[in-house]
Amino acid sequence: MGFIDMYIFYRMDMMSLHRQVITLGKMYVSEDRSSMREEVDRELDGTIFDLMDGSTREKAVDLVMGSEIGNFGGYRKEKNKYLFNAVSAAIITFMTAIPAVVCLLLIGDDTTAFFSSSAISSLALFFIGYRMSPYRKRSMKALTGLVTTAASLLLTLFAAYFGG
């Protein structure tokens, strides 16, 4: 419960990091670094540079192309961050079962226990969304919490409908 997700998240992050190291290694041993320009540019996909104008992205590529590898401590730091994120995801996944178990143990009527469990889980999801929101305004944080709760409930309904 969550440990498969943990492994998959960690492996995906590590494969991405490994791909970046391979790209840099190939660039450094290449006779013609400019031949690696497109590959280096692709490594910037999915980063803040997607939001920048083309000339800023080009400058970033130029900066990478002209640099040397020298910070292996940063590599270890990234690995530790990825592991922390993966373990956090597993713990959060595990914790989602706690309201259901507590309600089933403390409330004699199963129907009431399930409804109580759903209410507590929904409230927890709201605060998770609220806390993880990238916005500063409380109204936007609340909206993020509501969207997180609604999306989770919809996914639960779909899973129940399709037998998942």
Foldseek 3Di string as FASTA:
>chain_A
DLLVQLVVQLVVLVVLLVLVVVLLVCLVPDPDNVVSLVVLLVNCPPHPCVVPDPVVSVVVSVVSSPDDDDCVVVVVVSSVVSNVVSVVRSVVVVCLCVQLVVLVVPPPDNVVSVVRSLVVSLVVQLVVQLVPDPDDDNVVSNVSSVVSSVVVVVVVVVCVVVVD
